[in-house]
C-alpha atoms as a PDB file:
ATOM      1  CA  UNK A   1       0.112  -0.076  -0.235  1.00  0.00           C
ATOM      2  CA  UNK A   2       2.990   2.121   0.731  1.00  0.00           C
ATOM      3  CA  UNK A   3       4.044   1.707  -2.542  1.00  0.00           C
ATOM      4  CA  UNK A   4       1.141   2.562  -4.403  1.00  0.00           C
ATOM      5  CA  UNK A   5       0.535   5.627  -2.588  1.00  0.00           C
ATOM      6  CA  UNK A   6       4.267   6.773  -3.708  1.00  0.00           C
ATOM      7  CA  UNK A   7       3.418   6.379  -6.820  1.00  0.00           C
ATOM      8  CA  UNK A   8       0.469   8.737  -6.737  1.00  0.00           C
ATOM      9  CA  UNK A   9       1.574  12.008  -7.270  1.00  0.00           C
ATOM     10  CA  UNK A  10       4.025  10.429 -10.120  1.00  0.00           C
ATOM     11  CA  UNK A  11       0.931   9.374 -11.739  1.00  0.00           C
ATOM     12  CA  UNK A  12      -1.096  12.481 -10.989  1.00  0.00           C
ATOM     13  CA  UNK A  13       2.143  13.966 -12.905  1.00  0.00           C
ATOM     14  CA  UNK A  14       2.232  11.745 -16.021  1.00  0.00           C
ATOM     15  CA  UNK A  15      -1.916  12.331 -16.308  1.00  0.00           C
ATOM     16  CA  UNK A  16      -0.534  16.686 -16.996  1.00  0.00           C
ATOM     17  CA  UNK A  17       1.556  15.629 -20.351  1.00  0.00           C
ATOM     18  CA  UNK A  18       5.121  15.376 -20.811  1.00  0.00           C
ATOM     19  CA  UNK A  19       7.680  17.976 -19.149  1.00  0.00           C
ATOM     20  CA  UNK A  20       9.543  19.759 -21.844  1.00  0.00           C
ATOM     21  CA  UNK A  21      12.720  21.014 -20.807  1.00  0.00           C
ATOM     22  CA  UNK A  22      13.996  24.553 -22.801  1.00  0.00           C
ATOM     23  CA  UNK A  23      17.663  26.075 -23.024  1.00  0.00           C
ATOM     24  CA  UNK A  24      18.614  29.523 -25.204  1.00  0.00           C
ATOM     25  CA  UNK A  25      21.164  30.053 -25.975  1.00  0.00           C
ATOM     26  CA  UNK A  26      22.339  33.583 -28.622  1.00  0.00           C
ATOM     27  CA  UNK A  27      25.016  36.364 -29.157  1.00  0.00           C
ATOM     28  CA  UNK A  28      25.888  38.143 -26.650  1.00  0.00           C
ATOM     29  CA  UNK A  29      27.379  40.783 -29.481  1.00  0.00           C
ATOM     30  CA  UNK A  30      24.340  40.188 -31.488  1.00  0.00           C
ATOM     31  CA  UNK A  31      20.724  42.380 -31.119  1.00  0.00           C
ATOM     32  CA  UNK A  32      18.622  39.114 -31.149  1.00  0.00           C
ATOM     33  CA  UNK A  33      15.476  41.647 -32.062  1.00  0.00           C
ATOM     34  CA  UNK A  34      17.042  43.997 -34.387  1.00  0.00           C
ATOM     35  CA  UNK A  35      14.769  42.819 -37.087  1.00  0.00           C
ATOM     36  CA  UNK A  36      11.965  42.649 -38.692  1.00  0.00           C
ATOM     37  CA  UNK A  37      11.052  39.919 -41.114  1.00  0.00           C
ATOM     38  CA  UNK A  38      12.328  36.604 -41.330  1.00  0.00           C
ATOM     39  CA  UNK A  39      11.868  33.166 -43.346  1.00  0.00           C
ATOM     40  CA  UNK A  40      12.889  29.447 -43.235  1.00  0.00           C
ATOM     41  CA  UNK A  41      16.049  28.324 -44.664  1.00  0.00           C
ATOM     42  CA  UNK A  42      16.051  25.960 -47.016  1.00  0.00           C
ATOM     43  CA  UNK A  43      19.109  23.974 -46.397  1.00  0.00           C
ATOM     44  CA  UNK A  44      18.906  20.184 -46.767  1.00  0.00           C
ATOM     45  CA  UNK A  45      22.178  19.103 -46.257  1.00  0.00           C
ATOM     46  CA  UNK A  46      22.011  18.822 -42.598  1.00  0.00           C
ATOM     47  CA  UNK A  47      19.889  16.958 -42.439  1.00  0.00           C
ATOM     48  CA  UNK A  48      21.589  13.514 -43.901  1.00  0.00           C
ATOM     49  CA  UNK A  49      20.656  10.895 -42.127  1.00  0.00           C
ATOM     50  CA  UNK A  50      16.486  12.284 -41.356  1.00  0.00           C
ATOM     51  CA  UNK A  51      14.224  10.028 -39.758  1.00  0.00           C
ATOM     52  CA  UNK A  52      11.532  10.160 -41.806  1.00  0.00           C
ATOM     53  CA  UNK A  53       9.533   8.935 -38.409  1.00  0.00           C
ATOM     54  CA  UNK A  54       9.932  12.516 -37.076  1.00  0.00           C
ATOM     55  CA  UNK A  55      11.194  14.929 -40.623  1.00  0.00           C
ATOM     56  CA  UNK A  56       7.402  14.686 -42.679  1.00  0.00           C
ATOM     57  CA  UNK A  57       5.472  17.060 -44.079  1.00  0.00           C
ATOM     58  CA  UNK A  58       2.910  17.145 -40.660  1.00  0.00           C
ATOM     59  CA  UNK A  59       5.475  18.072 -38.282  1.00  0.00           C
ATOM     60  CA  UNK A  60       7.170  20.276 -40.710  1.00  0.00           C
ATOM     61  CA  UNK A  61       3.441  21.740 -40.890  1.00  0.00           C
ATOM     62  CA  UNK A  62       3.404  21.696 -37.312  1.00  0.00           C
ATOM     63  CA  UNK A  63       6.688  23.365 -36.308  1.00  0.00           C
ATOM     64  CA  UNK A  64       6.911  25.658 -38.819  1.00  0.00           C
ATOM     65  CA  UNK A  65       3.324  26.934 -37.741  1.00  0.00           C
ATOM     66  CA  UNK A  66       3.913  26.993 -33.652  1.00  0.00           C
ATOM     67  CA  UNK A  67       7.178  29.251 -34.863  1.00  0.00           C
ATOM     68  CA  UNK A  68       5.420  31.616 -37.473  1.00  0.00           C
ATOM     69  CA  UNK A  69       2.958  32.316 -34.587  1.00  0.00           C
ATOM     70  CA  UNK A  70       5.135  32.757 -31.896  1.00  0.00           C
ATOM     71  CA  UNK A  71       7.370  35.302 -34.043  1.00  0.00           C
ATOM     72  CA  UNK A  72       4.560  36.873 -35.811  1.00  0.00           C
ATOM     73  CA  UNK A  73       2.272  37.661 -32.379  1.00  0.00           C
ATOM     74  CA  UNK A  74       5.352  39.373 -31.398  1.00  0.00           C
ATOM     75  CA  UNK A  75       5.846  41.898 -34.252  1.00  0.00           C
ATOM     76  CA  UNK A  76       7.882  40.065 -37.237  1.00  0.00           C
ATOM     77  CA  UNK A  77       6.233  39.837 -40.652  1.00  0.00           C
ATOM     78  CA  UNK A  78       6.951  36.321 -42.341  1.00  0.00           C
ATOM     79  CA  UNK A  79       8.454  36.666 -45.446  1.00  0.00           C
ATOM     80  CA  UNK A  80       9.555  34.406 -48.263  1.00  0.00           C
ATOM     81  CA  UNK A  81      12.038  36.483 -49.977  1.00  0.00           C
ATOM     82  CA  UNK A  82      15.201  38.096 -48.792  1.00  0.00           C
ATOM     83  CA  UNK A  83      13.936  37.742 -44.992  1.00  0.00           C
ATOM     84  CA  UNK A  84      16.284  39.616 -42.628  1.00  0.00           C
ATOM     85  CA  UNK A  85      16.809  36.299 -40.492  1.00  0.00           C
ATOM     86  CA  UNK A  86      16.908  32.785 -41.699  1.00  0.00           C
ATOM     87  CA  UNK A  87      15.619  30.066 -39.229  1.00  0.00           C
ATOM     88  CA  UNK A  88      16.038  26.170 -39.387  1.00  0.00           C
ATOM     89  CA  UNK A  89      14.833  23.311 -37.430  1.00  0.00           C
ATOM     90  CA  UNK A  90      16.433  19.764 -36.269  1.00  0.00           C
ATOM     91  CA  UNK A  91      14.872  17.447 -34.718  1.00  0.00           C
ATOM     92  CA  UNK A  92      17.058  15.260 -32.891  1.00  0.00           C
ATOM     93  CA  UNK A  93      15.647  11.721 -30.813  1.00  0.00           C
ATOM     94  CA  UNK A  94      17.507   9.194 -28.706  1.00  0.00           C
ATOM     95  CA  UNK A  95      17.352   6.013 -26.814  1.00  0.00           C
ATOM     96  CA  UNK A  96      17.691   6.191 -22.885  1.00  0.00           C
ATOM     97  CA  UNK A  97      17.474   4.536 -19.791  1.00  0.00           C
ATOM     98  CA  UNK A  98      17.337   4.771 -16.428  1.00  0.00           C
ATOM     99  CA  UNK A  99      18.354   2.704 -13.555  1.00  0.00           C
ATOM    100  CA  UNK A 100      16.017   2.710 -10.563  1.00  0.00           C
ATOM    101  CA  UNK A 101      16.326   0.583  -7.222  1.00  0.00           C
ATOM    102  CA  UNK A 102      13.754  -0.936  -5.551  1.00  0.00           C
ATOM    103  CA  UNK A 103      12.398   1.394  -2.805  1.00  0.00           C
ATOM    104  CA  UNK A 104      14.240   0.550   0.845  1.00  0.00           C
ATOM    105  CA  UNK A 105      12.074  -2.123   2.621  1.00  0.00           C
ATOM    106  CA  UNK A 106      10.136  -3.167  -0.440  1.00  0.00           C
ATOM    107  CA  UNK A 107      12.617  -6.332  -1.175  1.00  0.00           C
ATOM    108  CA  UNK A 108      13.228  -8.648   2.409  1.00  0.00           C
ATOM    109  CA  UNK A 109      15.900 -10.802   2.204  1.00  0.00           C
ATOM    110  CA  UNK A 110      19.093 -11.728   3.449  1.00  0.00           C
ATOM    111  CA  UNK A 111      21.228  -9.201   3.944  1.00  0.00           C
ATOM    112  CA  UNK A 112      23.832  -9.756   1.509  1.00  0.00           C
ATOM    113  CA  UNK A 113      21.651  -9.529  -0.808  1.00  0.00           C
ATOM    114  CA  UNK A 114      21.705  -5.892  -2.956  1.00  0.00           C
ATOM    115  CA  UNK A 115      18.397  -4.666  -3.742  1.00  0.00           C
ATOM    116  CA  UNK A 116      16.964  -5.249  -7.462  1.00  0.00           C
ATOM    117  CA  UNK A 117      17.626  -2.429  -9.928  1.00  0.00           C
ATOM    118  CA  UNK A 118      14.898  -1.892 -12.568  1.00  0.00           C
ATOM    119  CA  UNK A 119      16.177  -0.623 -16.034  1.00  0.00           C
ATOM    120  CA  UNK A 120      13.482   1.663 -17.875  1.00  0.00           C
ATOM    121  CA  UNK A 121      13.816   2.451 -21.794  1.00  0.00           C
ATOM    122  CA  UNK A 122      12.688   5.551 -23.413  1.00  0.00           C
ATOM    123  CA  UNK A 123      12.944   7.826 -25.957  1.00  0.00           C
ATOM    124  CA  UNK A 124      13.823  11.409 -25.749  1.00  0.00           C
ATOM    125  CA  UNK A 125      13.673  13.510 -28.446  1.00  0.00           C
ATOM    126  CA  UNK A 126      15.286  17.436 -29.184  1.00  0.00           C
ATOM    127  CA  UNK A 127      13.663  19.925 -31.128  1.00  0.00           C
ATOM    128  CA  UNK A 128      15.871  22.250 -32.046  1.00  0.00           C
ATOM    129  CA  UNK A 129      15.027  25.661 -33.640  1.00  0.00           C
ATOM    130  CA  UNK A 130      18.455  27.972 -35.033  1.00  0.00           C
ATOM    131  CA  UNK A 131      18.098  31.567 -36.290  1.00  0.00           C
ATOM    132  CA  UNK A 132      20.655  32.846 -38.438  1.00  0.00           C
ATOM    133  CA  UNK A 133      21.786  35.938 -39.837  1.00  0.00           C
ATOM    134  CA  UNK A 134      22.243  36.129 -44.094  1.00  0.00           C
ATOM    135  CA  UNK A 135      24.311  37.782 -45.119  1.00  0.00           C
ATOM    136  CA  UNK A 136      26.803  36.265 -42.633  1.00  0.00           C
ATOM    137  CA  UNK A 137      25.142  32.885 -42.569  1.00  0.00           C
ATOM    138  CA  UNK A 138      26.356  32.730 -38.694  1.00  0.00           C
ATOM    139  CA  UNK A 139      24.065  31.430 -36.354  1.00  0.00           C
ATOM    140  CA  UNK A 140      22.411  34.251 -33.786  1.00  0.00           C
ATOM    141  CA  UNK A 141      20.039  32.612 -32.054  1.00  0.00           C
ATOM    142  CA  UNK A 142      19.021  28.778 -30.834  1.00  0.00           C
ATOM    143  CA  UNK A 143      16.570  27.531 -28.839  1.00  0.00           C
ATOM    144  CA  UNK A 144      15.680  23.513 -27.758  1.00  0.00           C
ATOM    145  CA  UNK A 145      13.197  21.736 -25.867  1.00  0.00           C
ATOM    146  CA  UNK A 146      13.489  18.144 -24.855  1.00  0.00           C
ATOM    147  CA  UNK A 147      10.929  15.839 -23.329  1.00  0.00           C
ATOM    148  CA  UNK A 148      10.109  11.941 -23.337  1.00  0.00           C
ATOM    149  CA  UNK A 149       8.689  10.859 -26.342  1.00  0.00           C
ATOM    150  CA  UNK A 150       7.066   7.430 -24.454  1.00  0.00           C
ATOM    151  CA  UNK A 151       4.220  10.088 -23.466  1.00  0.00           C
ATOM    152  CA  UNK A 152       2.819  11.618 -26.682  1.00  0.00           C
ATOM    153  CA  UNK A 153      -0.099   9.885 -27.935  1.00  0.00           C
ATOM    154  CA  UNK A 154      -0.811  11.090 -31.436  1.00  0.00           C
ATOM    155  CA  UNK A 155      -3.825  13.516 -30.685  1.00  0.00           C
ATOM    156  CA  UNK A 156      -1.153  14.987 -28.247  1.00  0.00           C
ATOM    157  CA  UNK A 157       1.674  15.974 -31.023  1.00  0.00           C
ATOM    158  CA  UNK A 158       0.092  19.663 -32.173  1.00  0.00           C
ATOM    159  CA  UNK A 159       0.048  20.338 -28.549  1.00  0.00           C
ATOM    160  CA  UNK A 160       3.260  18.796 -27.820  1.00  0.00           C
ATOM    161  CA  UNK A 161       4.627  20.476 -30.346  1.00  0.00           C
ATOM    162  CA  UNK A 162       2.891  24.414 -29.272  1.00  0.00           C
ATOM    163  CA  UNK A 163       3.819  24.112 -25.890  1.00  0.00           C
ATOM    164  CA  UNK A 164       7.200  23.340 -26.723  1.00  0.00           C
ATOM    165  CA  UNK A 165       7.963  26.243 -29.090  1.00  0.00           C
ATOM    166  CA  UNK A 166       5.645  28.659 -26.633  1.00  0.00           C
ATOM    167  CA  UNK A 167       8.638  27.974 -23.808  1.00  0.00           C
ATOM    168  CA  UNK A 168      11.122  28.096 -26.802  1.00  0.00           C
ATOM    169  CA  UNK A 169      10.284  31.494 -27.438  1.00  0.00           C
ATOM    170  CA  UNK A 170       8.903  32.597 -23.423  1.00  0.00           C
ATOM    171  CA  UNK A 171      11.997  35.399 -22.878  1.00  0.00           C
ATOM    172  CA  UNK A 172      12.111  35.810 -26.928  1.00  0.00           C
ATOM    173  CA  UNK A 173      11.562  40.135 -27.706  1.00  0.00           C
ATOM    174  CA  UNK A 174       9.213  41.520 -28.971  1.00  0.00           C
ATOM    175  CA  UNK A 175      10.189  43.754 -32.988  1.00  0.00           C
ATOM    176  CA  UNK A 176      11.489  46.857 -31.589  1.00  0.00           C
ATOM    177  CA  UNK A 177       9.100  49.793 -33.281  1.00  0.00           C
ATOM    178  CA  UNK A 178      12.012  51.763 -34.263  1.00  0.00           C
ATOM    179  CA  UNK A 179      13.038  49.644 -36.747  1.00  0.00           C
ATOM    180  CA  UNK A 180      13.808  50.592 -40.256  1.00  0.00           C
ATOM    181  CA  UNK A 181      11.093  48.422 -42.917  1.00  0.00           C
ATOM    182  CA  UNK A 182      13.298  46.806 -45.589  1.00  0.00           C
ATOM    183  CA  UNK A 183      11.902  47.065 -48.929  1.00  0.00           C
ATOM    184  CA  UNK A 184       9.745  44.316 -48.954  1.00  0.00           C
ATOM    185  CA  UNK A 185       7.685  45.364 -46.134  1.00  0.00           C
ATOM    186  CA  UNK A 186       7.477  48.809 -47.722  1.00  0.00           C
ATOM    187  CA  UNK A 187       6.094  47.769 -50.762  1.00  0.00           C
ATOM    188  CA  UNK A 188       3.614  45.392 -48.798  1.00  0.00           C
ATOM    189  CA  UNK A 189       2.380  48.472 -46.613  1.00  0.00           C
ATOM    190  CA  UNK A 190       2.701  50.553 -50.067  1.00  0.00           C
ATOM    191  CA  UNK A 191      -0.741  53.034 -50.768  1.00  0.00           C
ATOM    192  CA  UNK A 192      -2.577  51.322 -53.189  1.00  0.00           C
ATOM    193  CA  UNK A 193      -2.142  47.807 -52.605  1.00  0.00           C
END
Protein backbone atom coordinates (compact mmCIF):
# COMPACT_ATOMS: atom_id res chain seq x y z
CA UNK A 1 0.00 0.00 0.00
CA UNK A 2 2.87 2.37 0.83
CA UNK A 3 4.27 1.69 -2.63
CA UNK A 4 1.01 2.73 -4.31
CA UNK A 5 0.72 5.89 -2.20
CA UNK A 6 4.26 6.91 -3.19
CA UNK A 7 3.37 6.44 -6.89
CA UNK A 8 0.25 8.62 -6.77
CA UNK A 9 2.00 12.01 -7.21
CA UNK A 10 3.99 10.62 -10.14
CA UNK A 11 0.85 9.32 -11.82
CA UNK A 12 -0.84 12.69 -11.41
CA UNK A 13 2.13 14.41 -13.04
CA UNK A 14 2.06 11.96 -15.93
CA UNK A 15 -1.59 12.73 -16.54
CA UNK A 16 -0.66 16.37 -17.22
CA UNK A 17 1.48 15.41 -20.21
CA UNK A 18 5.20 15.20 -20.75
CA UNK A 19 7.57 17.57 -19.05
CA UNK A 20 9.27 19.87 -21.55
CA UNK A 21 12.67 21.32 -20.69
CA UNK A 22 13.91 24.25 -22.76
CA UNK A 23 17.26 25.99 -23.17
CA UNK A 24 18.21 29.09 -25.13
CA UNK A 25 21.56 30.47 -26.25
CA UNK A 26 22.48 33.51 -28.34
CA UNK A 27 25.44 35.59 -29.41
CA UNK A 28 25.63 38.38 -26.78
CA UNK A 29 27.31 40.71 -29.27
CA UNK A 30 24.32 40.42 -31.58
CA UNK A 31 20.96 42.20 -31.17
CA UNK A 32 18.52 39.30 -31.40
CA UNK A 33 15.52 41.60 -31.87
CA UNK A 34 17.20 43.76 -34.54
CA UNK A 35 15.14 42.48 -37.47
CA UNK A 36 11.67 42.84 -38.96
CA UNK A 37 11.22 39.82 -41.26
CA UNK A 38 11.99 36.13 -40.97
CA UNK A 39 11.87 33.18 -43.32
CA UNK A 40 12.75 29.51 -43.43
CA UNK A 41 16.11 28.28 -44.65
CA UNK A 42 16.09 25.74 -47.45
CA UNK A 43 19.20 24.00 -46.07
CA UNK A 44 18.99 20.27 -46.61
CA UNK A 45 22.63 19.24 -46.29
CA UNK A 46 22.52 19.37 -42.48
CA UNK A 47 19.79 16.75 -42.33
CA UNK A 48 21.62 13.99 -44.19
CA UNK A 49 20.33 11.08 -42.08
CA UNK A 50 16.77 12.26 -41.46
CA UNK A 51 14.41 9.79 -39.84
CA UNK A 52 11.15 9.88 -41.84
CA UNK A 53 9.23 8.96 -38.71
CA UNK A 54 9.95 12.43 -37.29
CA UNK A 55 10.91 14.45 -40.40
CA UNK A 56 7.69 14.47 -42.36
CA UNK A 57 5.35 17.00 -43.91
CA UNK A 58 2.92 16.88 -40.98
CA UNK A 59 5.56 17.69 -38.37
CA UNK A 60 7.08 20.28 -40.71
CA UNK A 61 3.74 22.13 -40.82
CA UNK A 62 3.27 21.81 -37.05
CA UNK A 63 6.72 23.14 -36.18
CA UNK A 64 6.78 25.96 -38.72
CA UNK A 65 3.22 26.98 -37.85
CA UNK A 66 4.01 27.14 -34.12
CA UNK A 67 7.22 29.15 -34.69
CA UNK A 68 5.51 31.56 -37.10
CA UNK A 69 2.69 32.08 -34.59
CA UNK A 70 5.18 32.95 -31.83
CA UNK A 71 7.17 35.38 -33.97
CA UNK A 72 4.18 37.12 -35.59
CA UNK A 73 2.61 37.57 -32.15
CA UNK A 74 5.76 39.54 -31.25
CA UNK A 75 5.41 41.80 -34.30
CA UNK A 76 7.80 40.10 -36.74
CA UNK A 77 6.71 39.52 -40.33
CA UNK A 78 7.06 36.24 -42.25
CA UNK A 79 8.73 36.79 -45.63
CA UNK A 80 9.46 34.20 -48.32
CA UNK A 81 11.92 36.45 -50.18
CA UNK A 82 14.92 38.23 -48.65
CA UNK A 83 14.12 37.82 -44.93
CA UNK A 84 16.25 39.56 -42.32
CA UNK A 85 16.66 36.30 -40.37
CA UNK A 86 16.62 32.69 -41.52
CA UNK A 87 15.16 29.92 -39.38
CA UNK A 88 15.97 26.23 -39.46
CA UNK A 89 14.97 23.36 -37.20
CA UNK A 90 16.42 19.98 -36.33
CA UNK A 91 14.88 16.97 -34.62
CA UNK A 92 17.09 14.68 -32.54
CA UNK A 93 15.75 11.45 -31.04
CA UNK A 94 17.81 9.39 -28.61
CA UNK A 95 17.12 6.13 -26.82
CA UNK A 96 17.80 6.64 -23.11
CA UNK A 97 17.59 4.46 -20.02
CA UNK A 98 17.53 4.98 -16.29
CA UNK A 99 18.37 2.58 -13.47
CA UNK A 100 15.99 2.57 -10.54
CA UNK A 101 16.46 0.51 -7.38
CA UNK A 102 13.48 -0.88 -5.56
CA UNK A 103 12.47 1.30 -2.62
CA UNK A 104 14.14 0.51 0.70
CA UNK A 105 12.21 -2.13 2.56
CA UNK A 106 10.29 -3.29 -0.51
CA UNK A 107 12.33 -6.46 -1.01
CA UNK A 108 12.98 -8.70 1.97
CA UNK A 109 15.89 -11.08 1.79
CA UNK A 110 19.15 -11.93 3.46
CA UNK A 111 21.27 -8.93 4.40
CA UNK A 112 23.98 -9.85 1.89
CA UNK A 113 21.59 -9.54 -1.05
CA UNK A 114 21.48 -6.19 -2.73
CA UNK A 115 18.31 -4.43 -3.76
CA UNK A 116 17.07 -5.26 -7.23
CA UNK A 117 17.64 -2.74 -9.99
CA UNK A 118 15.14 -2.05 -12.75
CA UNK A 119 16.08 -0.59 -16.11
CA UNK A 120 13.53 1.69 -17.71
CA UNK A 121 14.08 2.52 -21.37
CA UNK A 122 12.52 5.54 -23.00
CA UNK A 123 12.87 7.69 -26.11
CA UNK A 124 13.85 11.34 -25.66
CA UNK A 125 13.18 13.89 -28.40
CA UNK A 126 14.81 17.28 -28.85
CA UNK A 127 13.55 20.03 -31.14
CA UNK A 128 16.23 22.60 -32.01
CA UNK A 129 15.39 25.93 -33.65
CA UNK A 130 18.20 28.02 -35.12
CA UNK A 131 18.07 31.67 -36.18
CA UNK A 132 20.78 32.78 -38.60
CA UNK A 133 21.91 36.02 -40.20
CA UNK A 134 21.47 35.47 -43.97
CA UNK A 135 24.38 37.77 -44.91
CA UNK A 136 27.03 36.24 -42.66
CA UNK A 137 25.45 32.74 -42.44
CA UNK A 138 26.25 32.82 -38.72
CA UNK A 139 24.11 31.40 -35.95
CA UNK A 140 22.78 34.24 -33.77
CA UNK A 141 20.14 32.46 -31.63
CA UNK A 142 19.35 28.84 -30.76
CA UNK A 143 16.74 27.28 -28.56
CA UNK A 144 15.98 23.65 -27.91
CA UNK A 145 13.26 21.75 -26.11
CA UNK A 146 13.49 18.21 -24.79
CA UNK A 147 10.67 15.84 -23.83
CA UNK A 148 10.06 12.14 -23.36
CA UNK A 149 8.41 10.92 -26.55
CA UNK A 150 7.00 7.69 -25.12
CA UNK A 151 4.50 9.72 -23.11
CA UNK A 152 3.07 11.61 -26.11
CA UNK A 153 -0.02 10.14 -27.72
CA UNK A 154 -0.62 10.80 -31.40
CA UNK A 155 -3.59 13.07 -30.72
CA UNK A 156 -1.45 15.31 -28.47
CA UNK A 157 1.43 15.96 -30.90
CA UNK A 158 0.08 19.36 -32.00
CA UNK A 159 -0.31 20.49 -28.40
CA UNK A 160 3.14 19.26 -27.33
CA UNK A 161 4.87 20.99 -30.27
CA UNK A 162 2.95 24.23 -29.60
CA UNK A 163 3.83 24.09 -25.87
CA UNK A 164 7.50 23.35 -26.62
CA UNK A 165 7.82 26.19 -29.14
CA UNK A 166 5.95 28.54 -26.78
CA UNK A 167 8.43 27.76 -24.00
CA UNK A 168 11.37 28.17 -26.39
CA UNK A 169 10.26 31.67 -27.38
CA UNK A 170 9.03 32.70 -23.92
CA UNK A 171 11.85 35.20 -23.33
CA UNK A 172 12.24 36.23 -26.97
CA UNK A 173 11.90 40.02 -27.34
CA UNK A 174 9.16 41.79 -29.26
CA UNK A 175 10.12 43.56 -32.48
CA UNK A 176 11.60 46.99 -31.88
CA UNK A 177 9.09 49.62 -32.96
CA UNK A 178 11.74 51.95 -34.38
CA UNK A 179 13.18 49.34 -36.78
CA UNK A 180 13.43 50.53 -40.39
CA UNK A 181 11.21 48.50 -42.66
CA UNK A 182 12.84 46.34 -45.30
CA UNK A 183 12.09 46.99 -48.96
CA UNK A 184 9.61 44.09 -49.12
CA UNK A 185 7.68 45.28 -46.07
CA UNK A 186 7.66 48.84 -47.44
CA UNK A 187 6.28 47.61 -50.77
CA UNK A 188 3.62 45.51 -49.04
CA UNK A 189 2.42 48.47 -46.96
CA UNK A 190 2.61 51.02 -49.78
CA UNK A 191 -0.55 53.03 -50.55
CA UNK A 192 -2.71 51.56 -53.28
CA UNK A 193 -2.02 47.92 -52.31
